[in-house]
């Protein structure tokens, strides 16, 4: 069933591979939720240091540049918490140890919603193969959310850090042109554009505004909104059960 979402979670965690992944995809939703009073955190699995193709820079220097750009981009939409796991950029693998690290962050932040990529998206169009880091990050996020984060017998040692099991209510999987839920980002498209422009090392002289407006307008077509972001939403805890637990 299709829907146009006006839902705002109390807490949301965006889990992606690289700095700028969120800005290209779902920063308009993050901005809208922040404006609605949500507490939002970004969790980046790598620091995107391979993404600066300049051999005059050390990997440490590239890491510092891209992490600061991501912090600036998050601040542009009102997100204050940005966590980097600093897994190997370009070589991200969905391991059990990575799942444990994600479960730790989910149990610490305790999000109502997790936003992530689509691990099944390989061929988005005729000009692009989805980055393996994107698919690995998406798979790791989903496997950390269910059932691991909510199962107290898994990674039980985290209880020693005061981190108990936590069940995520909903997962928003980026739609890549399809999906069942549209978030109206008409009021936050300018913030999304400003956030992506913060990634100066990636944008260089290119202005991403026309492309972002085109993508967002295409997503909103026929939905009685000017701009939108599209998701496939999985509800793991029913509204009734969530209300009882609240």
C-alpha atoms as a PDB file:
ATOM      1  CA  UNK A   1       0.000   0.000   0.000  1.00  0.00           C
ATOM      2  CA  UNK A   2       1.346   3.403  -0.975  1.00  0.00           C
ATOM      3  CA  UNK A   3       1.314   6.329   1.432  1.00  0.00           C
ATOM      4  CA  UNK A   4       2.496   9.905   1.752  1.00  0.00           C
ATOM      5  CA  UNK A   5       4.141  10.012   5.157  1.00  0.00           C
ATOM      6  CA  UNK A   6       3.588  12.810   7.667  1.00  0.00           C
ATOM      7  CA  UNK A   7       4.998  10.613  10.427  1.00  0.00           C
ATOM      8  CA  UNK A   8       7.836  11.971  12.563  1.00  0.00           C
ATOM      9  CA  UNK A   9       9.741   9.578  14.838  1.00  0.00           C
ATOM     10  CA  UNK A  10      11.068  10.590  18.235  1.00  0.00           C
ATOM     11  CA  UNK A  11      14.570   9.320  17.389  1.00  0.00           C
ATOM     12  CA  UNK A  12      16.043   8.257  14.062  1.00  0.00           C
ATOM     13  CA  UNK A  13      19.422   6.867  13.067  1.00  0.00           C
ATOM     14  CA  UNK A  14      20.698   7.061   9.492  1.00  0.00           C
ATOM     15  CA  UNK A  15      23.232   4.288   8.754  1.00  0.00           C
ATOM     16  CA  UNK A  16      25.274   4.619   5.555  1.00  0.00           C
ATOM     17  CA  UNK A  17      28.700   3.845   4.159  1.00  0.00           C
ATOM     18  CA  UNK A  18      30.250   7.191   3.242  1.00  0.00           C
ATOM     19  CA  UNK A  19      30.147  10.923   3.884  1.00  0.00           C
ATOM     20  CA  UNK A  20      27.712  12.402   1.303  1.00  0.00           C
ATOM     21  CA  UNK A  21      25.575   9.226   0.969  1.00  0.00           C
ATOM     22  CA  UNK A  22      22.876  10.730   3.191  1.00  0.00           C
ATOM     23  CA  UNK A  23      23.014  14.075   1.427  1.00  0.00           C
ATOM     24  CA  UNK A  24      22.470  12.504  -1.984  1.00  0.00           C
ATOM     25  CA  UNK A  25      19.607  10.362  -0.716  1.00  0.00           C
ATOM     26  CA  UNK A  26      17.681  11.182   2.428  1.00  0.00           C
ATOM     27  CA  UNK A  27      18.901  14.436   3.991  1.00  0.00           C
ATOM     28  CA  UNK A  28      15.598  16.107   3.134  1.00  0.00           C
ATOM     29  CA  UNK A  29      13.810  13.589   5.334  1.00  0.00           C
ATOM     30  CA  UNK A  30      16.369  14.052   8.106  1.00  0.00           C
ATOM     31  CA  UNK A  31      15.815  17.817   7.958  1.00  0.00           C
ATOM     32  CA  UNK A  32      12.026  17.446   8.034  1.00  0.00           C
ATOM     33  CA  UNK A  33      12.169  15.124  11.023  1.00  0.00           C
ATOM     34  CA  UNK A  34      14.524  17.475  12.879  1.00  0.00           C
ATOM     35  CA  UNK A  35      12.112  20.329  12.223  1.00  0.00           C
ATOM     36  CA  UNK A  36       9.345  18.132  13.625  1.00  0.00           C
ATOM     37  CA  UNK A  37      11.244  17.646  16.876  1.00  0.00           C
ATOM     38  CA  UNK A  38      13.042  14.362  16.205  1.00  0.00           C
ATOM     39  CA  UNK A  39      16.474  13.597  17.581  1.00  0.00           C
ATOM     40  CA  UNK A  40      18.547  12.385  14.638  1.00  0.00           C
ATOM     41  CA  UNK A  41      21.969  10.727  14.505  1.00  0.00           C
ATOM     42  CA  UNK A  42      24.142   9.882  11.519  1.00  0.00           C
ATOM     43  CA  UNK A  43      26.263   6.732  11.607  1.00  0.00           C
ATOM     44  CA  UNK A  44      28.866   6.517   8.837  1.00  0.00           C
ATOM     45  CA  UNK A  45      30.659   3.203   8.534  1.00  0.00           C
ATOM     46  CA  UNK A  46      33.690   4.620   6.711  1.00  0.00           C
ATOM     47  CA  UNK A  47      35.229   8.061   6.479  1.00  0.00           C
ATOM     48  CA  UNK A  48      35.213   8.133   2.679  1.00  0.00           C
ATOM     49  CA  UNK A  49      38.969   8.753   2.473  1.00  0.00           C
ATOM     50  CA  UNK A  50      39.324   6.795  -0.784  1.00  0.00           C
ATOM     51  CA  UNK A  51      36.834   9.214  -2.323  1.00  0.00           C
ATOM     52  CA  UNK A  52      39.463  11.950  -2.671  1.00  0.00           C
ATOM     53  CA  UNK A  53      41.539  10.861  -5.661  1.00  0.00           C
ATOM     54  CA  UNK A  54      44.513  13.053  -4.806  1.00  0.00           C
ATOM     55  CA  UNK A  55      47.721  11.156  -4.070  1.00  0.00           C
ATOM     56  CA  UNK A  56      49.312  14.306  -2.622  1.00  0.00           C
ATOM     57  CA  UNK A  57      47.056  13.828   0.406  1.00  0.00           C
ATOM     58  CA  UNK A  58      47.671  11.173   3.000  1.00  0.00           C
ATOM     59  CA  UNK A  59      44.770   8.914   3.922  1.00  0.00           C
ATOM     60  CA  UNK A  60      44.699  10.599   7.332  1.00  0.00           C
ATOM     61  CA  UNK A  61      44.408  14.026   5.716  1.00  0.00           C
ATOM     62  CA  UNK A  62      41.637  12.812   3.406  1.00  0.00           C
ATOM     63  CA  UNK A  63      39.823  11.315   6.402  1.00  0.00           C
ATOM     64  CA  UNK A  64      39.957  14.623   8.285  1.00  0.00           C
ATOM     65  CA  UNK A  65      38.599  16.528   5.265  1.00  0.00           C
ATOM     66  CA  UNK A  66      35.702  14.206   4.601  1.00  0.00           C
ATOM     67  CA  UNK A  67      34.700  13.822   8.243  1.00  0.00           C
ATOM     68  CA  UNK A  68      34.574  17.598   8.681  1.00  0.00           C
ATOM     69  CA  UNK A  69      32.542  17.968   5.491  1.00  0.00           C
ATOM     70  CA  UNK A  70      30.064  15.424   6.855  1.00  0.00           C
ATOM     71  CA  UNK A  71      29.797  17.219  10.191  1.00  0.00           C
ATOM     72  CA  UNK A  72      29.151  20.479   8.339  1.00  0.00           C
ATOM     73  CA  UNK A  73      26.519  18.784   6.149  1.00  0.00           C
ATOM     74  CA  UNK A  74      24.783  17.323   9.182  1.00  0.00           C
ATOM     75  CA  UNK A  75      24.751  20.701  10.914  1.00  0.00           C
ATOM     76  CA  UNK A  76      23.181  22.253   7.807  1.00  0.00           C
ATOM     77  CA  UNK A  77      20.022  20.192   8.406  1.00  0.00           C
ATOM     78  CA  UNK A  78      20.149  20.416  12.206  1.00  0.00           C
ATOM     79  CA  UNK A  79      21.730  17.032  12.990  1.00  0.00           C
ATOM     80  CA  UNK A  80      24.242  17.303  15.821  1.00  0.00           C
ATOM     81  CA  UNK A  81      25.389  13.707  16.364  1.00  0.00           C
ATOM     82  CA  UNK A  82      27.658  12.168  13.720  1.00  0.00           C
ATOM     83  CA  UNK A  83      29.511   8.920  14.447  1.00  0.00           C
ATOM     84  CA  UNK A  84      32.243   7.413  12.252  1.00  0.00           C
ATOM     85  CA  UNK A  85      33.155   3.748  12.627  1.00  0.00           C
ATOM     86  CA  UNK A  86      36.191   4.205  10.330  1.00  0.00           C
ATOM     87  CA  UNK A  87      35.893   0.847   8.628  1.00  0.00           C
ATOM     88  CA  UNK A  88      38.106   0.503   5.503  1.00  0.00           C
ATOM     89  CA  UNK A  89      36.740   2.733   2.748  1.00  0.00           C
ATOM     90  CA  UNK A  90      36.223   0.893  -0.519  1.00  0.00           C
ATOM     91  CA  UNK A  91      36.694  -2.438   1.234  1.00  0.00           C
ATOM     92  CA  UNK A  92      33.657  -2.550   3.515  1.00  0.00           C
ATOM     93  CA  UNK A  93      32.555  -6.075   4.381  1.00  0.00           C
ATOM     94  CA  UNK A  94      29.422  -7.113   6.257  1.00  0.00           C
ATOM     95  CA  UNK A  95      31.040  -9.154   9.031  1.00  0.00           C
ATOM     96  CA  UNK A  96      29.753 -10.330  12.394  1.00  0.00           C
ATOM     97  CA  UNK A  97      32.112  -7.890  14.072  1.00  0.00           C
ATOM     98  CA  UNK A  98      30.613  -5.024  12.062  1.00  0.00           C
ATOM     99  CA  UNK A  99      27.137  -6.224  13.059  1.00  0.00           C
ATOM    100  CA  UNK A 100      28.218  -6.115  16.687  1.00  0.00           C
ATOM    101  CA  UNK A 101      29.491  -2.550  16.274  1.00  0.00           C
ATOM    102  CA  UNK A 102      26.182  -1.488  14.732  1.00  0.00           C
ATOM    103  CA  UNK A 103      24.155  -3.242  17.421  1.00  0.00           C
ATOM    104  CA  UNK A 104      26.185  -1.362  20.005  1.00  0.00           C
ATOM    105  CA  UNK A 105      25.333   1.993  18.397  1.00  0.00           C
ATOM    106  CA  UNK A 106      21.651   1.084  18.004  1.00  0.00           C
ATOM    107  CA  UNK A 107      21.388   0.001  21.634  1.00  0.00           C
ATOM    108  CA  UNK A 108      23.188   3.179  22.720  1.00  0.00           C
ATOM    109  CA  UNK A 109      21.083   5.635  20.684  1.00  0.00           C
ATOM    110  CA  UNK A 110      17.853   3.568  20.811  1.00  0.00           C
ATOM    111  CA  UNK A 111      16.264   4.876  17.592  1.00  0.00           C
ATOM    112  CA  UNK A 112      12.592   4.494  16.819  1.00  0.00           C
ATOM    113  CA  UNK A 113      13.494   4.454  13.124  1.00  0.00           C
ATOM    114  CA  UNK A 114      16.591   3.361  11.227  1.00  0.00           C
ATOM    115  CA  UNK A 115      17.154   4.700   7.709  1.00  0.00           C
ATOM    116  CA  UNK A 116      19.486   2.790   5.396  1.00  0.00           C
ATOM    117  CA  UNK A 117      20.174   1.865   1.780  1.00  0.00           C
ATOM    118  CA  UNK A 118      18.850  -1.025  -0.261  1.00  0.00           C
ATOM    119  CA  UNK A 119      21.236  -4.008  -0.304  1.00  0.00           C
ATOM    120  CA  UNK A 120      19.484  -5.460  -3.359  1.00  0.00           C
ATOM    121  CA  UNK A 121      20.128  -2.403  -5.554  1.00  0.00           C
ATOM    122  CA  UNK A 122      22.904  -3.275  -8.009  1.00  0.00           C
ATOM    123  CA  UNK A 123      21.930  -1.562 -11.271  1.00  0.00           C
ATOM    124  CA  UNK A 124      20.223   1.758 -10.648  1.00  0.00           C
ATOM    125  CA  UNK A 125      20.354   2.854 -14.273  1.00  0.00           C
ATOM    126  CA  UNK A 126      22.372   2.190 -17.422  1.00  0.00           C
ATOM    127  CA  UNK A 127      25.291   4.332 -16.255  1.00  0.00           C
ATOM    128  CA  UNK A 128      25.943   3.185 -12.689  1.00  0.00           C
ATOM    129  CA  UNK A 129      26.731   0.060 -10.669  1.00  0.00           C
ATOM    130  CA  UNK A 130      25.860   0.558  -7.018  1.00  0.00           C
ATOM    131  CA  UNK A 131      28.995   0.820  -4.882  1.00  0.00           C
ATOM    132  CA  UNK A 132      29.809  -2.410  -2.976  1.00  0.00           C
ATOM    133  CA  UNK A 133      30.263  -0.348   0.203  1.00  0.00           C
ATOM    134  CA  UNK A 134      26.668   0.886  -0.179  1.00  0.00           C
ATOM    135  CA  UNK A 135      25.338  -2.653  -0.419  1.00  0.00           C
ATOM    136  CA  UNK A 136      27.511  -3.911   2.448  1.00  0.00           C
ATOM    137  CA  UNK A 137      26.423  -1.027   4.688  1.00  0.00           C
ATOM    138  CA  UNK A 138      22.763  -1.632   3.895  1.00  0.00           C
ATOM    139  CA  UNK A 139      23.020  -5.367   4.584  1.00  0.00           C
ATOM    140  CA  UNK A 140      24.885  -4.760   7.826  1.00  0.00           C
ATOM    141  CA  UNK A 141      22.338  -2.188   8.988  1.00  0.00           C
ATOM    142  CA  UNK A 142      19.355  -4.442   8.332  1.00  0.00           C
ATOM    143  CA  UNK A 143      20.979  -7.462   9.982  1.00  0.00           C
ATOM    144  CA  UNK A 144      21.910  -5.386  13.016  1.00  0.00           C
ATOM    145  CA  UNK A 145      18.357  -4.053  13.320  1.00  0.00           C
ATOM    146  CA  UNK A 146      16.671  -7.440  13.043  1.00  0.00           C
ATOM    147  CA  UNK A 147      16.888  -9.499  15.019  1.00  0.00           C
ATOM    148  CA  UNK A 148      20.210  -8.694  16.663  1.00  0.00           C
ATOM    149  CA  UNK A 149      19.622  -5.309  18.338  1.00  0.00           C
ATOM    150  CA  UNK A 150      16.369  -6.432  19.931  1.00  0.00           C
ATOM    151  CA  UNK A 151      17.502  -9.882  20.995  1.00  0.00           C
ATOM    152  CA  UNK A 152      18.985  -9.802  24.519  1.00  0.00           C
ATOM    153  CA  UNK A 153      20.772 -13.137  24.073  1.00  0.00           C
ATOM    154  CA  UNK A 154      22.806 -11.765  21.139  1.00  0.00           C
ATOM    155  CA  UNK A 155      25.894  -9.697  21.972  1.00  0.00           C
ATOM    156  CA  UNK A 156      24.961 -10.062  25.601  1.00  0.00           C
ATOM    157  CA  UNK A 157      28.365  -8.698  26.616  1.00  0.00           C
ATOM    158  CA  UNK A 158      27.148  -5.212  25.680  1.00  0.00           C
ATOM    159  CA  UNK A 159      25.058  -5.268  28.843  1.00  0.00           C
ATOM    160  CA  UNK A 160      28.345  -4.699  30.647  1.00  0.00           C
ATOM    161  CA  UNK A 161      28.385  -1.245  29.062  1.00  0.00           C
ATOM    162  CA  UNK A 162      24.829  -0.611  30.245  1.00  0.00           C
ATOM    163  CA  UNK A 163      23.426  -1.306  26.763  1.00  0.00           C
ATOM    164  CA  UNK A 164      20.280  -3.418  26.792  1.00  0.00           C
ATOM    165  CA  UNK A 165      18.367  -4.885  23.848  1.00  0.00           C
ATOM    166  CA  UNK A 166      16.391  -2.412  21.773  1.00  0.00           C
ATOM    167  CA  UNK A 167      13.735  -3.099  19.139  1.00  0.00           C
ATOM    168  CA  UNK A 168      13.616  -0.631  16.268  1.00  0.00           C
ATOM    169  CA  UNK A 169      10.032   0.282  15.364  1.00  0.00           C
ATOM    170  CA  UNK A 170      10.438   0.992  11.641  1.00  0.00           C
ATOM    171  CA  UNK A 171      13.095   0.735   8.951  1.00  0.00           C
ATOM    172  CA  UNK A 172      13.083   3.213   6.071  1.00  0.00           C
ATOM    173  CA  UNK A 173      14.957   1.696   3.127  1.00  0.00           C
ATOM    174  CA  UNK A 174      15.841   4.216   0.431  1.00  0.00           C
ATOM    175  CA  UNK A 175      13.598   3.647  -2.574  1.00  0.00           C
ATOM    176  CA  UNK A 176      16.039   4.182  -5.468  1.00  0.00           C
ATOM    177  CA  UNK A 177      13.147   5.336  -7.619  1.00  0.00           C
ATOM    178  CA  UNK A 178      10.553   2.963  -6.155  1.00  0.00           C
ATOM    179  CA  UNK A 179       8.981   2.316  -2.794  1.00  0.00           C
ATOM    180  CA  UNK A 180       5.735   2.592  -0.876  1.00  0.00           C
ATOM    181  CA  UNK A 181       6.193   5.757   1.189  1.00  0.00           C
ATOM    182  CA  UNK A 182       6.875   9.322   0.090  1.00  0.00           C
ATOM    183  CA  UNK A 183       8.217  11.928   2.519  1.00  0.00           C
ATOM    184  CA  UNK A 184       7.348  15.463   1.431  1.00  0.00           C
ATOM    185  CA  UNK A 185      10.628  17.382   1.344  1.00  0.00           C
ATOM    186  CA  UNK A 186       9.299  20.538  -0.326  1.00  0.00           C
ATOM    187  CA  UNK A 187      10.074  22.562   2.802  1.00  0.00           C
ATOM    188  CA  UNK A 188      13.574  21.093   3.202  1.00  0.00           C
ATOM    189  CA  UNK A 189      14.914  20.743  -0.343  1.00  0.00           C
ATOM    190  CA  UNK A 190      16.992  23.904   0.093  1.00  0.00           C
ATOM    191  CA  UNK A 191      18.575  22.462   3.238  1.00  0.00           C
ATOM    192  CA  UNK A 192      19.348  19.216   1.413  1.00  0.00           C
ATOM    193  CA  UNK A 193      21.074  21.155  -1.371  1.00  0.00           C
ATOM    194  CA  UNK A 194      23.061  23.207   1.150  1.00  0.00           C
ATOM    195  CA  UNK A 195      24.092  20.024   2.948  1.00  0.00           C
ATOM    196  CA  UNK A 196      25.366  18.346  -0.214  1.00  0.00           C
ATOM    197  CA  UNK A 197      27.309  21.467  -1.137  1.00  0.00           C
ATOM    198  CA  UNK A 198      29.262  21.038   2.109  1.00  0.00           C
ATOM    199  CA  UNK A 199      31.067  18.097   0.496  1.00  0.00           C
ATOM    200  CA  UNK A 200      33.446  20.407  -1.349  1.00  0.00           C
ATOM    201  CA  UNK A 201      36.023  17.669  -2.002  1.00  0.00           C
ATOM    202  CA  UNK A 202      33.382  15.773  -3.974  1.00  0.00           C
ATOM    203  CA  UNK A 203      31.387  18.578  -5.578  1.00  0.00           C
ATOM    204  CA  UNK A 204      34.379  20.695  -6.670  1.00  0.00           C
ATOM    205  CA  UNK A 205      33.025  23.072  -9.350  1.00  0.00           C
ATOM    206  CA  UNK A 206      29.824  21.081  -9.918  1.00  0.00           C
ATOM    207  CA  UNK A 207      26.554  22.502  -8.618  1.00  0.00           C
ATOM    208  CA  UNK A 208      24.316  19.618  -7.489  1.00  0.00           C
ATOM    209  CA  UNK A 209      21.166  21.746  -7.188  1.00  0.00           C
ATOM    210  CA  UNK A 210      19.632  21.018 -10.630  1.00  0.00           C
ATOM    211  CA  UNK A 211      20.135  17.266 -10.221  1.00  0.00           C
ATOM    212  CA  UNK A 212      18.728  17.143  -6.687  1.00  0.00           C
ATOM    213  CA  UNK A 213      15.695  19.168  -7.693  1.00  0.00           C
ATOM    214  CA  UNK A 214      15.113  16.934 -10.700  1.00  0.00           C
ATOM    215  CA  UNK A 215      15.405  13.712  -8.677  1.00  0.00           C
ATOM    216  CA  UNK A 216      13.155  15.040  -5.928  1.00  0.00           C
ATOM    217  CA  UNK A 217      10.555  16.355  -8.364  1.00  0.00           C
ATOM    218  CA  UNK A 218      10.479  13.022 -10.203  1.00  0.00           C
ATOM    219  CA  UNK A 219       9.976  11.206  -6.888  1.00  0.00           C
ATOM    220  CA  UNK A 220       7.062  13.539  -6.049  1.00  0.00           C
ATOM    221  CA  UNK A 221       5.334  13.268  -9.426  1.00  0.00           C
ATOM    222  CA  UNK A 222       1.635  12.557  -8.985  1.00  0.00           C
ATOM    223  CA  UNK A 223       1.868  12.777  -5.182  1.00  0.00           C
ATOM    224  CA  UNK A 224       0.509  16.315  -4.648  1.00  0.00           C
ATOM    225  CA  UNK A 225       3.864  17.610  -3.469  1.00  0.00           C
ATOM    226  CA  UNK A 226       6.680  19.452  -5.200  1.00  0.00           C
ATOM    227  CA  UNK A 227       9.604  17.414  -3.885  1.00  0.00           C
ATOM    228  CA  UNK A 228       9.840  14.053  -2.165  1.00  0.00           C
ATOM    229  CA  UNK A 229      12.107  11.241  -1.030  1.00  0.00           C
ATOM    230  CA  UNK A 230      10.928   7.682  -1.493  1.00  0.00           C
ATOM    231  CA  UNK A 231      11.293   4.736   0.871  1.00  0.00           C
ATOM    232  CA  UNK A 232      10.215   1.182   1.376  1.00  0.00           C
ATOM    233  CA  UNK A 233       9.056   1.056   4.997  1.00  0.00           C
ATOM    234  CA  UNK A 234       9.183  -2.078   7.127  1.00  0.00           C
ATOM    235  CA  UNK A 235       7.218  -1.889  10.387  1.00  0.00           C
ATOM    236  CA  UNK A 236       8.766  -4.260  12.922  1.00  0.00           C
ATOM    237  CA  UNK A 237       6.718  -3.127  15.932  1.00  0.00           C
ATOM    238  CA  UNK A 238       3.051  -2.487  15.288  1.00  0.00           C
ATOM    239  CA  UNK A 239       1.534   0.859  16.167  1.00  0.00           C
ATOM    240  CA  UNK A 240      -0.572  -0.854  18.839  1.00  0.00           C
ATOM    241  CA  UNK A 241       2.405  -2.573  20.466  1.00  0.00           C
ATOM    242  CA  UNK A 242       4.492   0.580  20.221  1.00  0.00           C
ATOM    243  CA  UNK A 243       1.772   2.583  21.963  1.00  0.00           C
ATOM    244  CA  UNK A 244       1.618   0.004  24.761  1.00  0.00           C
ATOM    245  CA  UNK A 245       5.379   0.161  25.262  1.00  0.00           C
ATOM    246  CA  UNK A 246       5.535   3.969  25.187  1.00  0.00           C
END
